[in-house]
Structure formats: structure tokens, C-alpha cells
Amino acid sequence: AQLDRLQRAKTQDERDRIHFQAAMAATEKDYEQARQLADKIEETELRKQLHAFLAFDEMRQAIQDKKPEAALPLTRNNLLTNVQRAWGLAEVGRLFAKTEPERATEVLEMALAVARRIDPSSPDRVRTLVAIVSQFQKVEKARAWEMMSELIKSANSVTEFSGEDGELTLRVEFKGGGAMTNNFNVESFDLTGLFTALAEDDFNRAVRTNAVTLPPAAPPR
């Protein structure tokens, strides 16, 4: 079907859109095929944006499928942003937490190193720190409490951070107009959930720690 459309395409933009659509369809079964189709796109910026999207989407799919061994090498893709890589590593740490807690801790330390490369004035730095501390709280509670001062300092220095706006947005723009935008809700970016988990561990300490102007943590049941 795509070949038939290509034969009828009259412009480069039309051909590029057909290859884009074919690449997106290929993600259902084969990311390598999707990348090969993306390489056929002539317009440089669109090709670059699509490859970046595929890099994140393949990692996200491995995480969604609960395959940490497959997801971990995908976090090393140079096309990922620091926010995407830090989130991916935090999620891999979460997946390792129950069966391999020591390995989970190692991966979470990797995520922390990446998060610290994000601009301190960006809300994304706070969000990734929240995600990382949330996972540390499950495997090494002492480390989670230790990191709270860094997290709170970071949150208090960013006015745009609300603590409840956790999502990742991917956007691919077309030269002739229009765009594809995907918004992924990221529960681990929400600070309220972290404080709730900390409160279940030590409610009084969580209340003292919650120095950010956010909804207070719910008391443990």
C-alpha cells in the first residue's frame, strides 16, 4: 500500500510523509524496520525528529513490556534527551527493584547522574529527581531521605514546577505544516505521590521535610 502511494506521490514532501507514516506503522512490530523507513526521509530535520521519537518510543515500549534487560541498553541512545534518559533509567530501576535491588540501586545512581546534567532552572530537573527519589524509596529508603534536601532545594528554585504536571511530550513537525504530538503521562513525576510514600515510612519526618508549597502528604492509613 505504501509503495502504491509512493508511485503516485508528486513531491518530496509527499514521499517523506508516506515514509513517516510507514515508519510509525512499523513500530507495532519492528523498530529496526521503522528506522530503515525513517532513513528514506529526505528532509533532514524531519528524519532527525523521527529517529529521536523512535529512540524514545522503543525504550518506553520495553519498559511498558516490563523488560528491563532490553530497556537498559536503549537508555544509552544518544538521541534521547537527558530528561528522557533519566526517566528511562529510573523506570528500569523500578523494574529491577523486586528481583535485583542492588542492581536497581546501581541503575538509579546512573539516573541521578543524568538528572544532574539538566539545567537547574528547568522544571524537568525537579521532575526527574522526583522520579528517581520515588524509586530509591522502594529499594534504599535511607538514600531517598538523603536526597530530599537536594530535591526540595531544586523544587523551590523553579517557579514553574507545580508538583502535579508530570508528563513527557514528544513532537515531530512537518516542513509543509502540521505536527504529530504525543503526550505521555508520567506518574512518577508527581511530587504528591512521593510525599505520600515517604509519609507511610515516617509521617512526622515527611511533614517536616515537605517545605515545598504543594499539597501536604496524606497521612498513612
Protein backbone atom coordinates (compact mmCIF):
# COMPACT_ATOMS: atom_id res chain seq x y z
CA ALA A 1 0.00 0.00 0.00
CA GLN A 2 2.83 2.38 0.84
CA LEU A 3 4.62 1.55 -2.43
CA ASP A 4 1.44 2.32 -4.38
CA ARG A 5 1.18 5.70 -2.66
CA LEU A 6 4.86 6.41 -3.31
CA GLN A 7 4.38 5.81 -7.03
CA ARG A 8 1.61 8.38 -7.07
CA ALA A 9 3.45 10.94 -4.91
CA LYS A 10 4.40 14.06 -6.85
CA THR A 11 6.63 15.92 -4.36
CA GLN A 12 9.38 15.20 -1.86
CA ASP A 13 7.13 16.30 0.99
CA GLU A 14 4.50 13.75 -0.04
CA ARG A 15 7.10 10.98 -0.20
CA ASP A 16 8.52 11.98 3.16
CA ARG A 17 5.08 11.86 4.78
CA ILE A 18 4.43 8.42 3.32
CA HIS A 19 7.73 7.13 4.68
CA PHE A 20 6.95 8.76 8.02
CA GLN A 21 3.58 7.03 8.22
CA ALA A 22 5.12 3.72 7.19
CA ALA A 23 7.81 4.05 9.87
CA MET A 24 5.21 4.79 12.53
CA ALA A 25 3.20 1.76 11.43
CA ALA A 26 6.33 -0.41 11.62
CA THR A 27 6.78 0.40 15.33
CA GLU A 28 3.94 -2.01 16.03
CA LYS A 29 6.24 -4.93 15.15
CA ASP A 30 9.79 -3.94 14.25
CA TYR A 31 11.73 -0.84 15.32
CA GLU A 32 14.66 -1.72 13.07
CA GLN A 33 12.35 -1.64 10.06
CA ALA A 34 10.93 1.64 11.35
CA ARG A 35 14.43 3.14 11.44
CA GLN A 36 15.15 1.89 7.92
CA LEU A 37 11.99 3.59 6.68
CA ALA A 38 12.90 6.76 8.57
CA ASP A 39 16.24 6.80 6.76
CA LYS A 40 14.36 7.13 3.47
CA ILE A 41 13.01 10.54 4.51
CA GLU A 42 14.86 13.19 2.53
CA GLU A 43 14.09 16.22 4.66
CA THR A 44 16.89 16.33 7.24
CA GLU A 45 15.02 17.82 10.20
CA LEU A 46 12.02 15.53 9.86
CA ARG A 47 14.29 12.50 9.60
CA LYS A 48 16.19 13.62 12.71
CA GLN A 49 13.00 14.23 14.71
CA LEU A 50 11.54 10.86 13.74
CA HIS A 51 14.69 8.98 14.72
CA ALA A 52 14.61 10.75 18.10
CA PHE A 53 10.98 9.77 18.54
CA LEU A 54 11.74 6.14 17.66
CA ALA A 55 14.62 6.06 20.16
CA PHE A 56 12.33 7.12 23.00
CA ASP A 57 9.37 5.04 21.91
CA GLU A 58 11.39 1.83 21.69
CA MET A 59 12.73 2.41 25.21
CA ARG A 60 9.27 3.25 26.52
CA GLN A 61 7.79 0.13 24.94
CA ALA A 62 10.43 -2.12 26.54
CA ILE A 63 9.64 -0.53 29.90
CA GLN A 64 5.92 -0.94 29.36
CA ASP A 65 6.51 -4.60 28.49
CA LYS A 66 8.45 -4.97 31.78
CA LYS A 67 11.70 -5.95 30.05
CA PRO A 68 14.45 -4.14 31.98
CA GLU A 69 17.25 -6.09 30.32
CA ALA A 70 16.03 -4.91 26.93
CA ALA A 71 15.30 -1.36 28.09
CA LEU A 72 18.64 -0.68 29.80
CA PRO A 73 20.83 -0.58 26.66
CA LEU A 74 18.18 1.54 24.94
CA THR A 75 18.70 4.27 27.58
CA ARG A 76 22.19 4.83 26.13
CA ASN A 77 20.86 6.06 22.77
CA ASN A 78 22.45 9.46 22.04
CA LEU A 79 19.19 10.70 20.50
CA LEU A 80 17.48 10.71 23.91
CA THR A 81 17.36 13.93 25.90
CA ASN A 82 18.69 13.90 29.46
CA VAL A 83 15.12 14.03 30.76
CA GLN A 84 14.11 11.02 28.69
CA ARG A 85 17.24 9.07 29.64
CA ALA A 86 16.91 9.84 33.36
CA TRP A 87 13.24 8.81 33.33
CA GLY A 88 14.08 5.62 31.44
CA LEU A 89 16.82 4.68 33.91
CA ALA A 90 14.50 5.40 36.84
CA GLU A 91 11.90 3.10 35.33
CA VAL A 92 14.46 0.37 34.70
CA GLY A 93 15.46 0.71 38.35
CA ARG A 94 11.81 0.27 39.31
CA LEU A 95 11.58 -2.91 37.25
CA PHE A 96 14.72 -4.34 38.88
CA ALA A 97 13.63 -3.33 42.39
CA LYS A 98 11.80 -6.51 43.42
CA THR A 99 14.17 -9.10 41.97
CA GLU A 100 17.55 -7.34 41.94
CA PRO A 101 17.54 -4.46 44.47
CA GLU A 102 21.31 -3.94 44.31
CA ARG A 103 21.20 -3.62 40.55
CA ALA A 104 18.21 -1.29 40.88
CA THR A 105 20.26 0.96 43.16
CA GLU A 106 23.12 0.99 40.65
CA VAL A 107 20.80 1.98 37.79
CA LEU A 108 19.14 4.68 39.92
CA GLU A 109 22.54 6.20 40.68
CA MET A 110 23.10 6.33 36.91
CA ALA A 111 19.75 8.09 36.55
CA LEU A 112 20.74 10.62 39.21
CA ALA A 113 23.98 11.43 37.40
CA VAL A 114 21.99 12.13 34.22
CA ALA A 115 19.37 14.22 36.05
CA ARG A 116 22.10 16.46 37.46
CA ARG A 117 23.09 17.38 33.90
CA ILE A 118 19.70 19.02 33.32
CA ASP A 119 19.55 22.80 33.64
CA PRO A 120 18.95 23.64 37.34
CA SER A 121 16.38 26.26 36.32
CA SER A 122 14.27 23.71 34.40
CA PRO A 123 11.18 22.07 35.93
CA ASP A 124 12.31 18.90 34.14
CA ARG A 125 15.24 18.59 36.54
CA VAL A 126 12.87 18.59 39.50
CA ARG A 127 10.53 16.10 37.84
CA THR A 128 13.33 13.64 37.14
CA LEU A 129 14.65 13.98 40.69
CA VAL A 130 11.15 13.19 41.96
CA ALA A 131 11.02 10.07 39.79
CA ILE A 132 14.44 8.92 40.99
CA VAL A 133 13.77 9.53 44.69
CA SER A 134 10.42 7.75 44.32
CA GLN A 135 12.22 4.62 43.14
CA PHE A 136 15.01 4.91 45.73
CA GLN A 137 12.29 4.96 48.36
CA LYS A 138 11.40 1.40 47.35
CA VAL A 139 14.92 -0.10 47.41
CA GLU A 140 17.04 2.11 49.68
CA LYS A 141 14.96 4.36 51.91
CA ALA A 142 17.95 5.97 53.58
CA ARG A 143 19.19 7.17 50.19
CA ALA A 144 15.75 8.56 49.36
CA TRP A 145 15.64 10.61 52.57
CA GLU A 146 19.21 11.75 51.95
CA MET A 147 18.23 13.09 48.52
CA MET A 148 15.21 15.02 49.74
CA SER A 149 17.20 18.14 50.60
CA GLU A 150 18.53 18.31 47.03
CA LEU A 151 15.05 17.73 45.64
CA ILE A 152 13.41 20.39 47.78
CA LYS A 153 16.14 22.93 47.04
CA SER A 154 15.68 22.26 43.33
CA ALA A 155 11.87 22.49 43.53
CA ASN A 156 11.92 25.74 45.50
CA SER A 157 14.20 27.38 42.92
CA VAL A 158 11.84 26.68 39.98
CA THR A 159 8.64 28.73 39.96
CA GLU A 160 7.13 26.77 37.05
CA PHE A 161 7.15 23.49 38.99
CA SER A 162 3.75 22.62 40.46
CA GLY A 163 4.47 19.06 41.50
CA GLU A 164 1.41 17.75 39.68
CA ASP A 165 2.16 18.25 36.00
CA GLY A 166 4.08 15.09 35.23
CA GLU A 167 4.25 14.22 31.55
CA LEU A 168 6.68 13.81 28.69
CA THR A 169 5.86 15.42 25.36
CA LEU A 170 7.26 14.29 22.01
CA ARG A 171 6.66 16.38 18.92
CA VAL A 172 7.52 15.86 15.26
CA GLU A 173 6.91 18.82 12.95
CA PHE A 174 6.39 18.60 9.20
CA LYS A 175 8.02 21.03 6.79
CA GLY A 176 4.79 21.73 4.92
CA GLY A 177 2.82 22.37 8.12
CA GLY A 178 1.24 20.23 10.80
CA ALA A 179 2.80 18.11 13.51
CA MET A 180 2.47 14.90 15.48
CA THR A 181 2.40 15.41 19.26
CA ASN A 182 2.40 12.59 21.81
CA ASN A 183 1.91 13.30 25.49
CA PHE A 184 2.87 10.55 27.93
CA ASN A 185 1.60 10.83 31.48
CA VAL A 186 4.42 10.09 33.94
CA GLU A 187 3.02 9.26 37.35
CA SER A 188 6.46 9.17 38.97
CA PHE A 189 6.97 12.88 38.14
CA ASP A 190 4.23 13.88 40.62
CA LEU A 191 5.64 15.06 43.95
CA THR A 192 2.47 14.40 45.92
CA GLY A 193 2.81 10.66 45.36
CA LEU A 194 6.39 10.73 46.64
CA PHE A 195 5.44 12.56 49.84
CA THR A 196 2.61 10.10 50.39
CA ALA A 197 5.09 7.21 50.14
CA LEU A 198 7.52 8.96 52.49
CA ALA A 199 4.70 9.62 54.95
CA GLU A 200 3.90 5.93 55.07
CA ASP A 201 7.51 5.34 56.09
CA ASP A 202 7.79 8.20 58.62
CA PHE A 203 4.88 10.62 58.70
CA ASN A 204 6.39 13.19 61.07
CA ARG A 205 9.63 13.32 59.14
CA ALA A 206 7.74 13.68 55.87
CA VAL A 207 5.78 16.63 57.27
CA ARG A 208 9.00 18.33 58.39
CA THR A 209 10.60 17.64 55.02
CA ASN A 210 7.69 18.99 52.99
CA ALA A 211 8.97 22.52 52.71
CA VAL A 212 7.71 22.94 49.16
CA THR A 213 4.49 24.85 48.54
CA LEU A 214 2.49 21.83 47.49
CA PRO A 215 -0.48 19.83 48.79
CA PRO A 216 0.64 18.11 52.02
CA ALA A 217 1.21 14.39 52.06
CA ALA A 218 -1.78 12.29 53.08
CA PRO A 219 -1.41 10.59 56.49
CA PRO A 220 -0.89 6.83 56.41
CA ARG A 221 -3.99 4.68 56.79
